[in-house]
């Protein structure tokens, strides 16, 4: 026969295990539903953030193309000004012809 203290300890362990709270299926389903709702909300926010980032990226790419076009136009205008400057210099160096009246 087992000593009384060992029997008491065994009864306490078995009783404690039998009284431990086991999650019911409905409780687990509720917890999973809450987590799923949270995941859905976070996913919606992430999708929205990605859409905004894509739109910002497209706008930045368009602005970059416009800036490159403007730089090309400015370079072309500068070349034309340089050409005209040379012509003006040539005209200024020619002796002026005076007409007599």
PDB file of N, CA and C in Angstrom:
ATOM      1  N   UNK A   1       0.829  -1.171   0.000  1.00  0.00           N
ATOM      2  CA  UNK A   1       0.000   0.000   0.000  1.00  0.00           C
ATOM      3  C   UNK A   1       0.882   1.247   0.000  1.00  0.00           C
ATOM      4  N   UNK A   2       0.380   2.296  -0.668  1.00  0.00           N
ATOM      5  CA  UNK A   2       1.112   3.538  -0.784  1.00  0.00           C
ATOM      6  C   UNK A   2       0.971   4.368   0.478  1.00  0.00           C
ATOM      7  N   UNK A   3       2.015   5.101   0.811  1.00  0.00           N
ATOM      8  CA  UNK A   3       1.881   5.976   1.970  1.00  0.00           C
ATOM      9  C   UNK A   3       0.792   7.018   1.734  1.00  0.00           C
ATOM     10  N   UNK A   4       0.201   7.464   2.819  1.00  0.00           N
ATOM     11  CA  UNK A   4      -0.923   8.380   2.752  1.00  0.00           C
ATOM     12  C   UNK A   4      -0.542   9.693   2.048  1.00  0.00           C
ATOM     13  N   UNK A   5       0.623  10.225   2.265  1.00  0.00           N
ATOM     14  CA  UNK A   5       1.022  11.489   1.641  1.00  0.00           C
ATOM     15  C   UNK A   5       1.190  11.329   0.132  1.00  0.00           C
ATOM     16  N   UNK A   6       1.686  10.182  -0.307  1.00  0.00           N
ATOM     17  CA  UNK A   6       1.829   9.930  -1.732  1.00  0.00           C
ATOM     18  C   UNK A   6       0.472   9.770  -2.386  1.00  0.00           C
ATOM     19  N   UNK A   7      -0.454   9.112  -1.728  1.00  0.00           N
ATOM     20  CA  UNK A   7      -1.813   8.962  -2.245  1.00  0.00           C
ATOM     21  C   UNK A   7      -2.492  10.316  -2.339  1.00  0.00           C
ATOM     22  N   UNK A   8      -2.327  11.125  -1.330  1.00  0.00           N
ATOM     23  CA  UNK A   8      -2.924  12.448  -1.337  1.00  0.00           C
ATOM     24  C   UNK A   8      -2.336  13.288  -2.476  1.00  0.00           C
ATOM     25  N   UNK A   9      -1.047  13.213  -2.649  1.00  0.00           N
ATOM     26  CA  UNK A   9      -0.405  13.970  -3.714  1.00  0.00           C
ATOM     27  C   UNK A   9      -0.909  13.506  -5.075  1.00  0.00           C
ATOM     28  N   UNK A  10      -1.062  12.206  -5.258  1.00  0.00           N
ATOM     29  CA  UNK A  10      -1.545  11.664  -6.526  1.00  0.00           C
ATOM     30  C   UNK A  10      -2.971  12.124  -6.791  1.00  0.00           C
ATOM     31  N   UNK A  11      -3.807  12.119  -5.766  1.00  0.00           N
ATOM     32  CA  UNK A  11      -5.182  12.583  -5.919  1.00  0.00           C
ATOM     33  C   UNK A  11      -5.228  14.077  -6.297  1.00  0.00           C
ATOM     34  N   UNK A  12      -4.368  14.854  -5.677  1.00  0.00           N
ATOM     35  CA  UNK A  12      -4.330  16.282  -5.991  1.00  0.00           C
ATOM     36  C   UNK A  12      -3.897  16.506  -7.446  1.00  0.00           C
ATOM     37  N   UNK A  13      -2.924  15.755  -7.921  1.00  0.00           N
ATOM     38  CA  UNK A  13      -2.454  15.911  -9.295  1.00  0.00           C
ATOM     39  C   UNK A  13      -3.559  15.504 -10.277  1.00  0.00           C
ATOM     40  N   UNK A  14      -4.185  14.358 -10.038  1.00  0.00           N
ATOM     41  CA  UNK A  14      -5.249  13.899 -10.927  1.00  0.00           C
ATOM     42  C   UNK A  14      -6.426  14.866 -10.879  1.00  0.00           C
ATOM     43  N   UNK A  15      -6.777  15.333  -9.709  1.00  0.00           N
ATOM     44  CA  UNK A  15      -7.875  16.287  -9.572  1.00  0.00           C
ATOM     45  C   UNK A  15      -7.562  17.603 -10.262  1.00  0.00           C
ATOM     46  N   UNK A  16      -6.328  18.066 -10.125  1.00  0.00           N
ATOM     47  CA  UNK A  16      -5.932  19.308 -10.776  1.00  0.00           C
ATOM     48  C   UNK A  16      -5.985  19.193 -12.289  1.00  0.00           C
ATOM     49  N   UNK A  17      -5.540  18.078 -12.803  1.00  0.00           N
ATOM     50  CA  UNK A  17      -5.584  17.878 -14.248  1.00  0.00           C
ATOM     51  C   UNK A  17      -7.017  17.785 -14.760  1.00  0.00           C
ATOM     52  N   UNK A  18      -7.870  17.159 -13.981  1.00  0.00           N
ATOM     53  CA  UNK A  18      -9.248  17.023 -14.434  1.00  0.00           C
ATOM     54  C   UNK A  18      -9.999  18.352 -14.351  1.00  0.00           C
ATOM     55  N   UNK A  19      -9.546  19.237 -13.473  1.00  0.00           N
ATOM     56  CA  UNK A  19     -10.206  20.523 -13.330  1.00  0.00           C
ATOM     57  C   UNK A  19      -9.594  21.608 -14.219  1.00  0.00           C
ATOM     58  N   UNK A  20      -8.479  21.301 -14.891  1.00  0.00           N
ATOM     59  CA  UNK A  20      -7.851  22.321 -15.726  1.00  0.00           C
ATOM     60  C   UNK A  20      -8.804  22.720 -16.844  1.00  0.00           C
ATOM     61  N   UNK A  21      -8.739  23.975 -17.201  1.00  0.00           N
ATOM     62  CA  UNK A  21      -9.687  24.510 -18.177  1.00  0.00           C
ATOM     63  C   UNK A  21      -9.294  24.059 -19.572  1.00  0.00           C
ATOM     64  N   UNK A  22     -10.146  23.340 -20.192  1.00  0.00           N
ATOM     65  CA  UNK A  22      -9.969  22.960 -21.580  1.00  0.00           C
ATOM     66  C   UNK A  22     -10.793  23.939 -22.407  1.00  0.00           C
ATOM     67  N   UNK A  23     -10.207  24.421 -23.473  1.00  0.00           N
ATOM     68  CA  UNK A  23     -10.916  25.374 -24.313  1.00  0.00           C
ATOM     69  C   UNK A  23     -12.027  24.659 -25.068  1.00  0.00           C
ATOM     70  N   UNK A  24     -13.169  25.291 -25.071  1.00  0.00           N
ATOM     71  CA  UNK A  24     -14.281  24.713 -25.827  1.00  0.00           C
ATOM     72  C   UNK A  24     -14.115  25.081 -27.297  1.00  0.00           C
ATOM     73  N   UNK A  25     -14.768  24.346 -28.131  1.00  0.00           N
ATOM     74  CA  UNK A  25     -14.674  24.592 -29.570  1.00  0.00           C
ATOM     75  C   UNK A  25     -15.193  26.002 -29.904  1.00  0.00           C
ATOM     76  N   UNK A  26     -16.286  26.405 -29.275  1.00  0.00           N
ATOM     77  CA  UNK A  26     -16.842  27.730 -29.569  1.00  0.00           C
ATOM     78  C   UNK A  26     -15.877  28.835 -29.142  1.00  0.00           C
ATOM     79  N   UNK A  27     -15.193  28.653 -28.010  1.00  0.00           N
ATOM     80  CA  UNK A  27     -14.226  29.638 -27.556  1.00  0.00           C
ATOM     81  C   UNK A  27     -13.077  29.749 -28.563  1.00  0.00           C
ATOM     82  N   UNK A  28     -12.579  28.614 -28.994  1.00  0.00           N
ATOM     83  CA  UNK A  28     -11.488  28.612 -29.975  1.00  0.00           C
ATOM     84  C   UNK A  28     -11.956  29.266 -31.269  1.00  0.00           C
ATOM     85  N   UNK A  29     -13.166  28.947 -31.725  1.00  0.00           N
ATOM     86  CA  UNK A  29     -13.708  29.551 -32.944  1.00  0.00           C
ATOM     87  C   UNK A  29     -13.813  31.070 -32.804  1.00  0.00           C
ATOM     88  N   UNK A  30     -14.241  31.545 -31.635  1.00  0.00           N
ATOM     89  CA  UNK A  30     -14.347  32.990 -31.403  1.00  0.00           C
ATOM     90  C   UNK A  30     -12.971  33.652 -31.474  1.00  0.00           C
ATOM     91  N   UNK A  31     -11.995  33.019 -30.847  1.00  0.00           N
ATOM     92  CA  UNK A  31     -10.638  33.571 -30.852  1.00  0.00           C
ATOM     93  C   UNK A  31     -10.059  33.591 -32.265  1.00  0.00           C
ATOM     94  N   UNK A  32     -10.287  32.535 -33.010  1.00  0.00           N
ATOM     95  CA  UNK A  32      -9.809  32.475 -34.390  1.00  0.00           C
ATOM     96  C   UNK A  32     -10.509  33.535 -35.233  1.00  0.00           C
ATOM     97  N   UNK A  33     -11.800  33.732 -35.017  1.00  0.00           N
ATOM     98  CA  UNK A  33     -12.537  34.748 -35.768  1.00  0.00           C
ATOM     99  C   UNK A  33     -11.982  36.141 -35.478  1.00  0.00           C
ATOM    100  N   UNK A  34     -11.653  36.420 -34.211  1.00  0.00           N
ATOM    101  CA  UNK A  34     -11.078  37.727 -33.867  1.00  0.00           C
ATOM    102  C   UNK A  34      -9.731  37.918 -34.546  1.00  0.00           C
ATOM    103  N   UNK A  35      -8.913  36.883 -34.535  1.00  0.00           N
ATOM    104  CA  UNK A  35      -7.598  36.977 -35.188  1.00  0.00           C
ATOM    105  C   UNK A  35      -7.774  37.153 -36.692  1.00  0.00           C
ATOM    106  N   UNK A  36      -8.697  36.403 -37.289  1.00  0.00           N
ATOM    107  CA  UNK A  36      -8.942  36.528 -38.729  1.00  0.00           C
ATOM    108  C   UNK A  36      -9.432  37.924 -39.095  1.00  0.00           C
ATOM    109  N   UNK A  37     -10.306  38.496 -38.264  1.00  0.00           N
ATOM    110  CA  UNK A  37     -10.771  39.862 -38.510  1.00  0.00           C
ATOM    111  C   UNK A  37      -9.607  40.850 -38.460  1.00  0.00           C
ATOM    112  N   UNK A  38      -8.738  40.657 -37.499  1.00  0.00           N
ATOM    113  CA  UNK A  38      -7.576  41.535 -37.376  1.00  0.00           C
ATOM    114  C   UNK A  38      -6.663  41.378 -38.595  1.00  0.00           C
ATOM    115  N   UNK A  39      -6.439  40.149 -39.018  1.00  0.00           N
ATOM    116  CA  UNK A  39      -5.605  39.894 -40.195  1.00  0.00           C
ATOM    117  C   UNK A  39      -6.225  40.548 -41.429  1.00  0.00           C
ATOM    118  N   UNK A  40      -7.535  40.442 -41.579  1.00  0.00           N
ATOM    119  CA  UNK A  40      -8.221  41.050 -42.725  1.00  0.00           C
ATOM    120  C   UNK A  40      -8.052  42.561 -42.712  1.00  0.00           C
ATOM    121  N   UNK A  41      -8.172  43.181 -41.545  1.00  0.00           N
ATOM    122  CA  UNK A  41      -8.013  44.634 -41.438  1.00  0.00           C
ATOM    123  C   UNK A  41      -6.581  45.053 -41.767  1.00  0.00           C
ATOM    124  N   UNK A  42      -5.614  44.318 -41.252  1.00  0.00           N
ATOM    125  CA  UNK A  42      -4.211  44.635 -41.530  1.00  0.00           C
ATOM    126  C   UNK A  42      -3.912  44.433 -43.010  1.00  0.00           C
ATOM    127  N   UNK A  43      -4.448  43.383 -43.594  1.00  0.00           N
ATOM    128  CA  UNK A  43      -4.239  43.125 -45.017  1.00  0.00           C
ATOM    129  C   UNK A  43      -4.830  44.251 -45.864  1.00  0.00           C
ATOM    130  N   UNK A  44      -6.004  44.741 -45.487  1.00  0.00           N
ATOM    131  CA  UNK A  44      -6.624  45.846 -46.229  1.00  0.00           C
ATOM    132  C   UNK A  44      -5.761  47.100 -46.143  1.00  0.00           C
ATOM    133  N   UNK A  45      -5.224  47.377 -44.961  1.00  0.00           N
ATOM    134  CA  UNK A  45      -4.352  48.545 -44.802  1.00  0.00           C
ATOM    135  C   UNK A  45      -3.076  48.382 -45.621  1.00  0.00           C
ATOM    136  N   UNK A  46      -2.517  47.186 -45.615  1.00  0.00           N
ATOM    137  CA  UNK A  46      -1.293  46.946 -46.387  1.00  0.00           C
ATOM    138  C   UNK A  46      -1.563  47.080 -47.881  1.00  0.00           C
ATOM    139  N   UNK A  47      -2.690  46.570 -48.334  1.00  0.00           N
ATOM    140  CA  UNK A  47      -3.051  46.681 -49.754  1.00  0.00           C
ATOM    141  C   UNK A  47      -3.226  48.144 -50.141  1.00  0.00           C
ATOM    142  N   UNK A  48      -3.883  48.915 -49.283  1.00  0.00           N
ATOM    143  CA  UNK A  48      -4.063  50.344 -49.533  1.00  0.00           C
ATOM    144  C   UNK A  48      -2.713  51.063 -49.573  1.00  0.00           C
ATOM    145  N   UNK A  49      -1.837  50.725 -48.647  1.00  0.00           N
ATOM    146  CA  UNK A  49      -0.513  51.353 -48.619  1.00  0.00           C
ATOM    147  C   UNK A  49       0.272  51.020 -49.881  1.00  0.00           C
ATOM    148  N   UNK A  50       0.181  49.778 -50.346  1.00  0.00           N
ATOM    149  CA  UNK A  50       0.870  49.397 -51.579  1.00  0.00           C
ATOM    150  C   UNK A  50       0.304  50.138 -52.787  1.00  0.00           C
ATOM    151  N   UNK A  51      -1.006  50.299 -52.823  1.00  0.00           N
ATOM    152  CA  UNK A  51      -1.623  51.034 -53.937  1.00  0.00           C
ATOM    153  C   UNK A  51      -1.161  52.485 -53.936  1.00  0.00           C
ATOM    154  N   UNK A  52      -1.090  53.092 -52.758  1.00  0.00           N
ATOM    155  CA  UNK A  52      -0.621  54.476 -52.663  1.00  0.00           C
ATOM    156  C   UNK A  52       0.855  54.584 -53.065  1.00  0.00           C
ATOM    157  N   UNK A  53       1.645  53.608 -52.652  1.00  0.00           N
ATOM    158  CA  UNK A  53       3.065  53.615 -53.013  1.00  0.00           C
ATOM    159  C   UNK A  53       3.235  53.465 -54.520  1.00  0.00           C
ATOM    160  N   UNK A  54       2.426  52.594 -55.128  1.00  0.00           N
ATOM    161  CA  UNK A  54       2.483  52.428 -56.583  1.00  0.00           C
ATOM    162  C   UNK A  54       2.103  53.727 -57.291  1.00  0.00           C
ATOM    163  N   UNK A  55       1.071  54.405 -56.802  1.00  0.00           N
ATOM    164  CA  UNK A  55       0.647  55.671 -57.399  1.00  0.00           C
ATOM    165  C   UNK A  55       1.739  56.728 -57.238  1.00  0.00           C
ATOM    166  N   UNK A  56       2.359  56.779 -56.080  1.00  0.00           N
ATOM    167  CA  UNK A  56       3.440  57.741 -55.846  1.00  0.00           C
ATOM    168  C   UNK A  56       4.635  57.425 -56.742  1.00  0.00           C
ATOM    169  N   UNK A  57       4.918  56.147 -56.917  1.00  0.00           N
ATOM    170  CA  UNK A  57       6.022  55.741 -57.780  1.00  0.00           C
ATOM    171  C   UNK A  57       5.744  56.137 -59.225  1.00  0.00           C
ATOM    172  N   UNK A  58       4.509  55.955 -59.671  1.00  0.00           N
ATOM    173  CA  UNK A  58       4.141  56.351 -61.036  1.00  0.00           C
ATOM    174  C   UNK A  58       4.256  57.861 -61.213  1.00  0.00           C
ATOM    175  N   UNK A  59       3.807  58.609 -60.223  1.00  0.00           N
ATOM    176  CA  UNK A  59       3.899  60.069 -60.289  1.00  0.00           C
ATOM    177  C   UNK A  59       5.363  60.513 -60.307  1.00  0.00           C
ATOM    178  N   UNK A  60       6.194  59.858 -59.509  1.00  0.00           N
ATOM    179  CA  UNK A  60       7.618  60.207 -59.482  1.00  0.00           C
ATOM    180  C   UNK A  60       8.271  59.886 -60.827  1.00  0.00           C
ATOM    181  N   UNK A  61       7.895  58.762 -61.429  1.00  0.00           N
ATOM    182  CA  UNK A  61       8.451  58.407 -62.736  1.00  0.00           C
ATOM    183  C   UNK A  61       8.020  59.420 -63.795  1.00  0.00           C
ATOM    184  N   UNK A  62       6.772  59.856 -63.746  1.00  0.00           N
ATOM    185  CA  UNK A  62       6.289  60.862 -64.701  1.00  0.00           C
ATOM    186  C   UNK A  62       7.015  62.190 -64.491  1.00  0.00           C
ATOM    187  N   UNK A  63       7.225  62.571 -63.244  1.00  0.00           N
ATOM    188  CA  UNK A  63       7.953  63.811 -62.949  1.00  0.00           C
ATOM    189  C   UNK A  63       9.401  63.709 -63.431  1.00  0.00           C
ATOM    190  N   UNK A  64       9.988  62.546 -63.283  1.00  0.00           N
ATOM    191  CA  UNK A  64      11.359  62.344 -63.750  1.00  0.00           C
ATOM    192  C   UNK A  64      11.436  62.477 -65.276  1.00  0.00           C
ATOM    193  N   UNK A  65      10.469  61.885 -65.981  1.00  0.00           N
ATOM    194  CA  UNK A  65      10.444  62.001 -67.446  1.00  0.00           C
ATOM    195  C   UNK A  65      10.274  63.463 -67.859  1.00  0.00           C
ATOM    196  N   UNK A  66       9.390  64.187 -67.175  1.00  0.00           N
ATOM    197  CA  UNK A  66       9.173  65.599 -67.489  1.00  0.00           C
ATOM    198  C   UNK A  66      10.445  66.410 -67.232  1.00  0.00           C
ATOM    199  N   UNK A  67      11.142  66.110 -66.161  1.00  0.00           N
ATOM    200  CA  UNK A  67      12.382  66.822 -65.853  1.00  0.00           C
ATOM    201  C   UNK A  67      13.447  66.524 -66.907  1.00  0.00           C
ATOM    202  N   UNK A  68      13.524  65.281 -67.348  1.00  0.00           N
ATOM    203  CA  UNK A  68      14.488  64.933 -68.399  1.00  0.00           C
ATOM    204  C   UNK A  68      14.140  65.643 -69.706  1.00  0.00           C
ATOM    205  N   UNK A  69      12.862  65.695 -70.037  1.00  0.00           N
ATOM    206  CA  UNK A  69      12.427  66.409 -71.244  1.00  0.00           C
ATOM    207  C   UNK A  69      12.771  67.900 -71.145  1.00  0.00           C
ATOM    208  N   UNK A  70      12.553  68.476 -69.972  1.00  0.00           N
ATOM    209  CA  UNK A  70      12.863  69.898 -69.770  1.00  0.00           C
ATOM    210  C   UNK A  70      14.369  70.138 -69.875  1.00  0.00           C
ATOM    211  N   UNK A  71      15.166  69.224 -69.349  1.00  0.00           N
ATOM    212  CA  UNK A  71      16.622  69.363 -69.436  1.00  0.00           C
ATOM    213  C   UNK A  71      17.083  69.289 -70.894  1.00  0.00           C
ATOM    214  N   UNK A  72      16.477  68.377 -71.655  1.00  0.00           N
ATOM    215  CA  UNK A  72      16.819  68.259 -73.074  1.00  0.00           C
ATOM    216  C   UNK A  72      16.437  69.531 -73.823  1.00  0.00           C
ATOM    217  N   UNK A  73      15.263  70.059 -73.541  1.00  0.00           N
ATOM    218  CA  UNK A  73      14.818  71.300 -74.189  1.00  0.00           C
ATOM    219  C   UNK A  73      15.721  72.461 -73.806  1.00  0.00           C
ATOM    220  N   UNK A  74      16.125  72.530 -72.550  1.00  0.00           N
ATOM    221  CA  UNK A  74      17.017  73.613 -72.104  1.00  0.00           C
ATOM    222  C   UNK A  74      18.374  73.496 -72.792  1.00  0.00           C
ATOM    223  N   UNK A  75      18.869  72.286 -72.928  1.00  0.00           N
ATOM    224  CA  UNK A  75      20.153  72.081 -73.597  1.00  0.00           C
ATOM    225  C   UNK A  75      20.057  72.513 -75.066  1.00  0.00           C
ATOM    226  N   UNK A  76      18.969  72.168 -75.715  1.00  0.00           N
ATOM    227  CA  UNK A  76      18.758  72.570 -77.106  1.00  0.00           C
ATOM    228  C   UNK A  76      18.675  74.091 -77.218  1.00  0.00           C
ATOM    229  N   UNK A  77      17.962  74.715 -76.308  1.00  0.00           N
ATOM    230  CA  UNK A  77      17.847  76.178 -76.321  1.00  0.00           C
ATOM    231  C   UNK A  77      19.203  76.824 -76.093  1.00  0.00           C
ATOM    232  N   UNK A  78      19.998  76.278 -75.202  1.00  0.00           N
ATOM    233  CA  UNK A  78      21.339  76.824 -74.957  1.00  0.00           C
ATOM    234  C   UNK A  78      22.223  76.702 -76.196  1.00  0.00           C
ATOM    235  N   UNK A  79      22.110  75.596 -76.912  1.00  0.00           N
ATOM    236  CA  UNK A  79      22.888  75.431 -78.134  1.00  0.00           C
ATOM    237  C   UNK A  79      22.478  76.468 -79.177  1.00  0.00           C
ATOM    238  N   UNK A  80      21.178  76.707 -79.278  1.00  0.00           N
ATOM    239  CA  UNK A  80      20.702  77.706 -80.237  1.00  0.00           C
ATOM    240  C   UNK A  80      21.175  79.101 -79.848  1.00  0.00           C
ATOM    241  N   UNK A  81      21.165  79.396 -78.557  1.00  0.00           N
ATOM    242  CA  UNK A  81      21.643  80.701 -78.084  1.00  0.00           C
ATOM    243  C   UNK A  81      23.132  80.850 -78.390  1.00  0.00           C
ATOM    244  N   UNK A  82      23.894  79.777 -78.164  1.00  0.00           N
ATOM    245  CA  UNK A  82      25.326  79.822 -78.477  1.00  0.00           C
ATOM    246  C   UNK A  82      25.551  80.090 -79.964  1.00  0.00           C
ATOM    247  N   UNK A  83      24.748  79.453 -80.816  1.00  0.00           N
ATOM    248  CA  UNK A  83      24.874  79.672 -82.263  1.00  0.00           C
ATOM    249  C   UNK A  83      24.531  81.125 -82.620  1.00  0.00           C
ATOM    250  N   UNK A  84      23.479  81.612 -82.046  1.00  0.00           N
ATOM    251  CA  UNK A  84      23.083  83.000 -82.313  1.00  0.00           C
ATOM    252  C   UNK A  84      24.122  83.979 -81.773  1.00  0.00           C
ATOM    253  N   UNK A  85      24.706  83.652 -80.652  1.00  0.00           N
ATOM    254  CA  UNK A  85      25.744  84.511 -80.072  1.00  0.00           C
ATOM    255  C   UNK A  85      26.917  84.650 -81.022  1.00  0.00           C
ATOM    256  N   UNK A  86      27.305  83.545 -81.635  1.00  0.00           N
ATOM    257  CA  UNK A  86      28.393  83.595 -82.618  1.00  0.00           C
ATOM    258  C   UNK A  86      28.034  84.462 -83.809  1.00  0.00           C
ATOM    259  N   UNK A  87      26.827  84.357 -84.274  1.00  0.00           N
ATOM    260  CA  UNK A  87      26.381  85.187 -85.409  1.00  0.00           C
ATOM    261  C   UNK A  87      26.363  86.671 -85.023  1.00  0.00           C
ATOM    262  N   UNK A  88      25.889  86.965 -83.840  1.00  0.00           N
ATOM    263  CA  UNK A  88      25.848  88.359 -83.376  1.00  0.00           C
ATOM    264  C   UNK A  88      27.265  88.900 -83.301  1.00  0.00           C
ATOM    265  N   UNK A  89      28.191  88.106 -82.781  1.00  0.00           N
ATOM    266  CA  UNK A  89      29.594  88.548 -82.711  1.00  0.00           C
ATOM    267  C   UNK A  89      30.127  88.858 -84.108  1.00  0.00           C
ATOM    268  N   UNK A  90      29.814  88.015 -85.083  1.00  0.00           N
ATOM    269  CA  UNK A  90      30.267  88.255 -86.454  1.00  0.00           C
ATOM    270  C   UNK A  90      29.668  89.556 -87.001  1.00  0.00           C
ATOM    271  N   UNK A  91      28.410  89.772 -86.747  1.00  0.00           N
ATOM    272  CA  UNK A  91      27.756  90.991 -87.240  1.00  0.00           C
ATOM    273  C   UNK A  91      28.339  92.231 -86.580  1.00  0.00           C
ATOM    274  N   UNK A  92      28.672  92.148 -85.337  1.00  0.00           N
ATOM    275  CA  UNK A  92      29.227  93.295 -84.628  1.00  0.00           C
ATOM    276  C   UNK A  92      30.633  93.622 -85.119  1.00  0.00           C
ATOM    277  N   UNK A  93      31.350  92.633 -85.604  1.00  0.00           N
ATOM    278  CA  UNK A  93      32.713  92.867 -86.068  1.00  0.00           C
ATOM    279  C   UNK A  93      32.768  93.425 -87.491  1.00  0.00           C
ATOM    280  N   UNK A  94      31.719  93.330 -88.242  1.00  0.00           N
ATOM    281  CA  UNK A  94      31.683  93.886 -89.595  1.00  0.00           C
ATOM    282  C   UNK A  94      31.645  95.410 -89.504  1.00  0.00           C
ATOM    283  N   UNK A  95      32.333  96.007 -90.418  1.00  0.00           N
ATOM    284  CA  UNK A  95      32.245  97.477 -90.414  1.00  0.00           C
ATOM    285  C   UNK A  95      30.855  97.904 -90.873  1.00  0.00           C
ATOM    286  N   UNK A  96      30.380  98.893 -90.254  1.00  0.00           N
ATOM    287  CA  UNK A  96      29.045  99.381 -90.590  1.00  0.00           C
ATOM    288  C   UNK A  96      29.114 100.169 -91.898  1.00  0.00           C
ATOM    289  N   UNK A  97      28.230  99.901 -92.804  1.00  0.00           N
ATOM    290  CA  UNK A  97      28.135 100.644 -94.065  1.00  0.00           C
ATOM    291  C   UNK A  97      27.184 101.793 -93.845  1.00  0.00           C
ATOM    292  N   UNK A  98      27.656 102.936 -94.177  1.00  0.00           N
ATOM    293  CA  UNK A  98      26.823 104.116 -94.026  1.00  0.00           C
ATOM    294  C   UNK A  98      26.317 104.542 -95.376  1.00  0.00           C
ATOM    295  N   UNK A  99      25.124 104.860 -95.389  1.00  0.00           N
ATOM    296  CA  UNK A  99      24.540 105.368 -96.635  1.00  0.00           C
ATOM    297  C   UNK A  99      24.478 106.881 -96.545  1.00  0.00           C
ATOM    298  N   UNK A 100      24.771 107.560 -97.671  1.00  0.00           N
ATOM    299  CA  UNK A 100      24.738 109.016 -97.696  1.00  0.00           C
ATOM    300  C   UNK A 100      23.439 109.475 -98.299  1.00  0.00           C
ATOM    301  N   UNK A 101      22.983 110.523 -97.786  1.00  0.00           N
ATOM    302  CA  UNK A 101      21.753 111.104 -98.344  1.00  0.00           C
ATOM    303  C   UNK A 101      22.016 112.351 -99.041  1.00  0.00           C
TER     304      UNK A 101
END
